[in-house]
Amino acid sequence: MRIPISLILTVITLIVIGCQTEKTEEVEQLKQTADEAAPGSSSLPALSDDYLVSIYEAQELIKIEQDNQQLREAYCQKAYFKDQGLFISMGIARKHNPETGQPISPSLVERAAQIDAMRWASYGKQWLDNNFEPPFGHLDATYNHSIEIIDRANVGDSLFLFIATRF
């Protein structure tokens, strides 16, 4: 008997939320600030705030359970729009140096978040091309791509940047 992936993800999400209450706070703040978006392109599918939060949650689950192939598959199914050839991902960057507390240049913060989001898109492409292998942390390929920033949110000391990558 095969357990539906939605049930597995629901259980995992509940466990993660129970273990990481600060992540729940980030999710709520992200939902509240997701409307600070840069206007998206008309070639992009309509993406709701809840959808963008689900991308964040999927990436967080993968970081926690790096060897879980079902999480990688679910993330790719959620993030990849085959008809448009787009992969949606999110990057996070801190706005202050954690050691000194000094602010980091906004352009550097945005660049760091963009690089993080592009890394997630590269993982997604690699997983789509290789039956959702290898585990998170083992990026083995580089891809030619173009990106478009589709949303951003400032939550606490972090910038959350959502991008659409076209491979």
C-alpha atoms as a PDB file:
ATOM      1  CA  MET A   1       0.000   0.000   0.000  1.00  0.00           C
ATOM      2  CA  ARG A   2       1.441   3.336  -1.037  1.00  0.00           C
ATOM      3  CA  ILE A   3       0.873   6.281   1.286  1.00  0.00           C
ATOM      4  CA  PRO A   4      -0.141   9.455  -0.583  1.00  0.00           C
ATOM      5  CA  ILE A   5       2.640  12.042  -0.718  1.00  0.00           C
ATOM      6  CA  SER A   6       0.216  14.741   0.443  1.00  0.00           C
ATOM      7  CA  LEU A   7      -0.322  12.811   3.679  1.00  0.00           C
ATOM      8  CA  ILE A   8       3.415  12.356   4.132  1.00  0.00           C
ATOM      9  CA  LEU A   9       4.075  16.058   3.511  1.00  0.00           C
ATOM     10  CA  THR A  10       1.305  17.059   5.892  1.00  0.00           C
ATOM     11  CA  VAL A  11       2.744  14.897   8.661  1.00  0.00           C
ATOM     12  CA  ILE A  12       6.274  16.145   8.002  1.00  0.00           C
ATOM     13  CA  THR A  13       5.089  19.752   7.956  1.00  0.00           C
ATOM     14  CA  LEU A  14       3.358  19.270  11.297  1.00  0.00           C
ATOM     15  CA  ILE A  15       6.502  17.727  12.770  1.00  0.00           C
ATOM     16  CA  VAL A  16       8.698  20.490  11.405  1.00  0.00           C
ATOM     17  CA  ILE A  17       6.366  23.201  12.667  1.00  0.00           C
ATOM     18  CA  GLY A  18       6.257  21.561  16.062  1.00  0.00           C
ATOM     19  CA  CYS A  19      10.057  21.344  16.197  1.00  0.00           C
ATOM     20  CA  GLN A  20      10.750  24.786  14.786  1.00  0.00           C
ATOM     21  CA  THR A  21       8.327  27.322  16.213  1.00  0.00           C
ATOM     22  CA  GLU A  22      10.478  30.196  14.977  1.00  0.00           C
ATOM     23  CA  LYS A  23       9.925  28.953  11.417  1.00  0.00           C
ATOM     24  CA  THR A  24       6.159  29.285  11.955  1.00  0.00           C
ATOM     25  CA  GLU A  25       6.694  32.896  12.912  1.00  0.00           C
ATOM     26  CA  GLU A  26       8.746  33.427   9.728  1.00  0.00           C
ATOM     27  CA  VAL A  27       5.986  31.861   7.619  1.00  0.00           C
ATOM     28  CA  GLU A  28       3.359  34.178   9.121  1.00  0.00           C
ATOM     29  CA  GLN A  29       5.573  37.222   8.613  1.00  0.00           C
ATOM     30  CA  LEU A  30       6.319  36.097   5.067  1.00  0.00           C
ATOM     31  CA  LYS A  31       2.586  35.806   4.338  1.00  0.00           C
ATOM     32  CA  GLN A  32       2.010  39.300   5.711  1.00  0.00           C
ATOM     33  CA  THR A  33       4.825  40.920   3.737  1.00  0.00           C
ATOM     34  CA  ALA A  34       4.556  39.012   0.457  1.00  0.00           C
ATOM     35  CA  ASP A  35       2.654  41.916  -1.089  1.00  0.00           C
ATOM     36  CA  GLU A  36       5.853  44.013  -1.257  1.00  0.00           C
ATOM     37  CA  ALA A  37       6.458  42.364  -4.631  1.00  0.00           C
ATOM     38  CA  ALA A  38       8.038  43.817  -7.682  1.00  0.00           C
ATOM     39  CA  PRO A  39       5.503  43.556 -10.490  1.00  0.00           C
ATOM     40  CA  GLY A  40       5.772  40.221 -12.284  1.00  0.00           C
ATOM     41  CA  SER A  41       5.938  39.505 -15.980  1.00  0.00           C
ATOM     42  CA  SER A  42       2.827  38.598 -17.901  1.00  0.00           C
ATOM     43  CA  SER A  43       4.570  35.391 -19.056  1.00  0.00           C
ATOM     44  CA  LEU A  44       4.597  34.125 -15.480  1.00  0.00           C
ATOM     45  CA  PRO A  45       1.771  32.034 -14.098  1.00  0.00           C
ATOM     46  CA  ALA A  46      -0.330  33.725 -11.399  1.00  0.00           C
ATOM     47  CA  LEU A  47       1.373  32.949  -8.086  1.00  0.00           C
ATOM     48  CA  SER A  48      -0.483  33.465  -4.830  1.00  0.00           C
ATOM     49  CA  ASP A  49       1.112  34.405  -1.539  1.00  0.00           C
ATOM     50  CA  ASP A  50       0.178  30.953  -0.225  1.00  0.00           C
ATOM     51  CA  TYR A  51       1.960  29.351  -3.168  1.00  0.00           C
ATOM     52  CA  LEU A  52       5.150  31.338  -2.473  1.00  0.00           C
ATOM     53  CA  VAL A  53       5.000  30.398   1.207  1.00  0.00           C
ATOM     54  CA  SER A  54       4.642  26.742   0.165  1.00  0.00           C
ATOM     55  CA  ILE A  55       7.893  27.070  -1.837  1.00  0.00           C
ATOM     56  CA  TYR A  56       9.609  28.386   1.303  1.00  0.00           C
ATOM     57  CA  GLU A  57       8.200  25.514   3.367  1.00  0.00           C
ATOM     58  CA  ALA A  58       9.227  22.890   0.785  1.00  0.00           C
ATOM     59  CA  GLN A  59      12.799  24.197   0.709  1.00  0.00           C
ATOM     60  CA  GLU A  60      12.961  24.234   4.516  1.00  0.00           C
ATOM     61  CA  LEU A  61      11.769  20.613   4.684  1.00  0.00           C
ATOM     62  CA  ILE A  62      14.453  19.561   2.213  1.00  0.00           C
ATOM     63  CA  LYS A  63      17.139  21.261   4.319  1.00  0.00           C
ATOM     64  CA  ILE A  64      15.923  19.315   7.364  1.00  0.00           C
ATOM     65  CA  GLU A  65      15.614  15.935   5.595  1.00  0.00           C
ATOM     66  CA  GLN A  66      18.325  16.175   2.963  1.00  0.00           C
ATOM     67  CA  ASP A  67      18.165  12.520   1.929  1.00  0.00           C
ATOM     68  CA  ASN A  68      14.372  12.392   1.491  1.00  0.00           C
ATOM     69  CA  GLN A  69      13.747  11.898  -2.221  1.00  0.00           C
ATOM     70  CA  GLN A  70       9.973  12.300  -1.831  1.00  0.00           C
ATOM     71  CA  LEU A  71      10.469  15.847  -0.527  1.00  0.00           C
ATOM     72  CA  ARG A  72      12.678  16.697  -3.510  1.00  0.00           C
ATOM     73  CA  GLU A  73      10.091  15.268  -5.892  1.00  0.00           C
ATOM     74  CA  ALA A  74       7.234  17.171  -4.224  1.00  0.00           C
ATOM     75  CA  TYR A  75       9.237  20.409  -4.325  1.00  0.00           C
ATOM     76  CA  CYS A  76       9.988  20.001  -8.029  1.00  0.00           C
ATOM     77  CA  GLN A  77       6.373  19.179  -8.848  1.00  0.00           C
ATOM     78  CA  LYS A  78       5.298  22.321  -7.011  1.00  0.00           C
ATOM     79  CA  ALA A  79       8.019  24.637  -8.336  1.00  0.00           C
ATOM     80  CA  TYR A  80       8.277  23.568 -11.984  1.00  0.00           C
ATOM     81  CA  PHE A  81       5.895  24.928 -14.622  1.00  0.00           C
ATOM     82  CA  LYS A  82       6.667  22.650 -17.552  1.00  0.00           C
ATOM     83  CA  ASP A  83       4.487  24.509 -20.083  1.00  0.00           C
ATOM     84  CA  GLN A  84       6.361  27.763 -19.477  1.00  0.00           C
ATOM     85  CA  GLY A  85       9.733  26.122 -18.787  1.00  0.00           C
ATOM     86  CA  LEU A  86       9.939  27.943 -15.441  1.00  0.00           C
ATOM     87  CA  PHE A  87      11.219  26.881 -12.059  1.00  0.00           C
ATOM     88  CA  ILE A  88      10.195  28.974  -9.031  1.00  0.00           C
ATOM     89  CA  SER A  89      12.615  29.157  -6.123  1.00  0.00           C
ATOM     90  CA  MET A  90      13.391  31.304  -3.123  1.00  0.00           C
ATOM     91  CA  GLY A  91      16.598  32.646  -1.629  1.00  0.00           C
ATOM     92  CA  ILE A  92      17.212  34.135   1.783  1.00  0.00           C
ATOM     93  CA  ALA A  93      19.866  36.612   2.878  1.00  0.00           C
ATOM     94  CA  ARG A  94      20.504  38.358   6.177  1.00  0.00           C
ATOM     95  CA  LYS A  95      20.475  42.142   6.287  1.00  0.00           C
ATOM     96  CA  HIS A  96      22.953  42.461   9.179  1.00  0.00           C
ATOM     97  CA  ASN A  97      26.280  40.797   9.844  1.00  0.00           C
ATOM     98  CA  PRO A  98      25.505  38.173  12.533  1.00  0.00           C
ATOM     99  CA  GLU A  99      28.889  38.670  14.210  1.00  0.00           C
ATOM    100  CA  THR A 100      29.031  42.477  14.346  1.00  0.00           C
ATOM    101  CA  GLY A 101      25.397  43.489  13.911  1.00  0.00           C
ATOM    102  CA  GLN A 102      26.446  45.982  11.240  1.00  0.00           C
ATOM    103  CA  PRO A 103      24.051  46.448   8.310  1.00  0.00           C
ATOM    104  CA  ILE A 104      24.992  44.864   5.005  1.00  0.00           C
ATOM    105  CA  SER A 105      24.632  46.874   1.819  1.00  0.00           C
ATOM    106  CA  PRO A 106      21.127  46.318   0.377  1.00  0.00           C
ATOM    107  CA  SER A 107      22.607  45.511  -3.038  1.00  0.00           C
ATOM    108  CA  LEU A 108      24.792  42.793  -1.488  1.00  0.00           C
ATOM    109  CA  VAL A 109      21.845  41.414   0.482  1.00  0.00           C
ATOM    110  CA  GLU A 110      19.771  41.206  -2.696  1.00  0.00           C
ATOM    111  CA  ARG A 111      22.633  39.582  -4.594  1.00  0.00           C
ATOM    112  CA  ALA A 112      23.141  36.984  -1.847  1.00  0.00           C
ATOM    113  CA  ALA A 113      19.417  36.145  -1.823  1.00  0.00           C
ATOM    114  CA  GLN A 114      19.430  35.931  -5.621  1.00  0.00           C
ATOM    115  CA  ILE A 115      22.405  33.550  -5.595  1.00  0.00           C
ATOM    116  CA  ASP A 116      20.677  31.392  -2.984  1.00  0.00           C
ATOM    117  CA  ALA A 117      17.495  31.283  -5.091  1.00  0.00           C
ATOM    118  CA  MET A 118      19.518  30.421  -8.218  1.00  0.00           C
ATOM    119  CA  ARG A 119      21.204  27.596  -6.277  1.00  0.00           C
ATOM    120  CA  TRP A 120      17.770  26.188  -5.414  1.00  0.00           C
ATOM    121  CA  ALA A 121      16.712  26.462  -9.062  1.00  0.00           C
ATOM    122  CA  SER A 122      19.868  24.572 -10.077  1.00  0.00           C
ATOM    123  CA  TYR A 123      19.045  21.850  -7.556  1.00  0.00           C
ATOM    124  CA  GLY A 124      15.541  21.667  -8.998  1.00  0.00           C
ATOM    125  CA  LYS A 125      16.812  21.340 -12.573  1.00  0.00           C
ATOM    126  CA  GLN A 126      19.327  18.695 -11.534  1.00  0.00           C
ATOM    127  CA  TRP A 127      16.646  16.753  -9.647  1.00  0.00           C
ATOM    128  CA  LEU A 128      14.244  16.950 -12.594  1.00  0.00           C
ATOM    129  CA  ASP A 129      16.958  15.669 -14.949  1.00  0.00           C
ATOM    130  CA  ASN A 130      18.238  12.893 -12.640  1.00  0.00           C
ATOM    131  CA  ASN A 131      15.185  11.257 -11.052  1.00  0.00           C
ATOM    132  CA  PHE A 132      15.385  13.546  -7.990  1.00  0.00           C
ATOM    133  CA  GLU A 133      18.961  12.648  -7.160  1.00  0.00           C
ATOM    134  CA  PRO A 134      21.467  13.454  -5.635  1.00  0.00           C
ATOM    135  CA  PRO A 135      20.503  14.539  -2.109  1.00  0.00           C
ATOM    136  CA  PHE A 136      20.520  18.191  -1.112  1.00  0.00           C
ATOM    137  CA  GLY A 137      24.064  19.425  -0.600  1.00  0.00           C
ATOM    138  CA  HIS A 138      25.457  17.674  -3.684  1.00  0.00           C
ATOM    139  CA  LEU A 139      25.019  20.064  -6.587  1.00  0.00           C
ATOM    140  CA  ASP A 140      26.908  18.509  -9.487  1.00  0.00           C
ATOM    141  CA  ALA A 141      25.949  20.626 -12.490  1.00  0.00           C
ATOM    142  CA  THR A 142      25.719  24.155 -13.791  1.00  0.00           C
ATOM    143  CA  TYR A 143      22.994  25.391 -16.119  1.00  0.00           C
ATOM    144  CA  ASN A 144      22.515  28.234 -18.546  1.00  0.00           C
ATOM    145  CA  HIS A 145      19.441  30.128 -17.494  1.00  0.00           C
ATOM    146  CA  SER A 146      17.702  33.458 -17.226  1.00  0.00           C
ATOM    147  CA  ILE A 147      15.937  34.687 -14.123  1.00  0.00           C
ATOM    148  CA  GLU A 148      13.244  37.134 -13.212  1.00  0.00           C
ATOM    149  CA  ILE A 149      12.601  38.389  -9.687  1.00  0.00           C
ATOM    150  CA  ILE A 150       8.923  37.803  -9.016  1.00  0.00           C
ATOM    151  CA  ASP A 151       8.508  38.713  -5.349  1.00  0.00           C
ATOM    152  CA  ARG A 152      10.401  39.839  -2.299  1.00  0.00           C
ATOM    153  CA  ALA A 153       9.638  40.184   1.380  1.00  0.00           C
ATOM    154  CA  ASN A 154      11.574  41.666   4.273  1.00  0.00           C
ATOM    155  CA  VAL A 155      10.953  39.564   7.364  1.00  0.00           C
ATOM    156  CA  GLY A 156      12.875  40.414  10.492  1.00  0.00           C
ATOM    157  CA  ASP A 157      16.561  40.506   9.593  1.00  0.00           C
ATOM    158  CA  SER A 158      16.122  38.604   6.336  1.00  0.00           C
ATOM    159  CA  LEU A 159      15.275  39.279   2.727  1.00  0.00           C
ATOM    160  CA  PHE A 160      13.220  36.545   1.052  1.00  0.00           C
ATOM    161  CA  LEU A 161      13.592  36.751  -2.723  1.00  0.00           C
ATOM    162  CA  PHE A 162      11.484  34.650  -5.099  1.00  0.00           C
ATOM    163  CA  ILE A 163      12.660  34.120  -8.665  1.00  0.00           C
ATOM    164  CA  ALA A 164      11.450  32.426 -11.813  1.00  0.00           C
ATOM    165  CA  THR A 165      14.249  30.648 -13.644  1.00  0.00           C
ATOM    166  CA  ARG A 166      13.981  29.679 -17.276  1.00  0.00           C
ATOM    167  CA  PHE A 167      16.389  26.915 -18.307  1.00  0.00           C
END
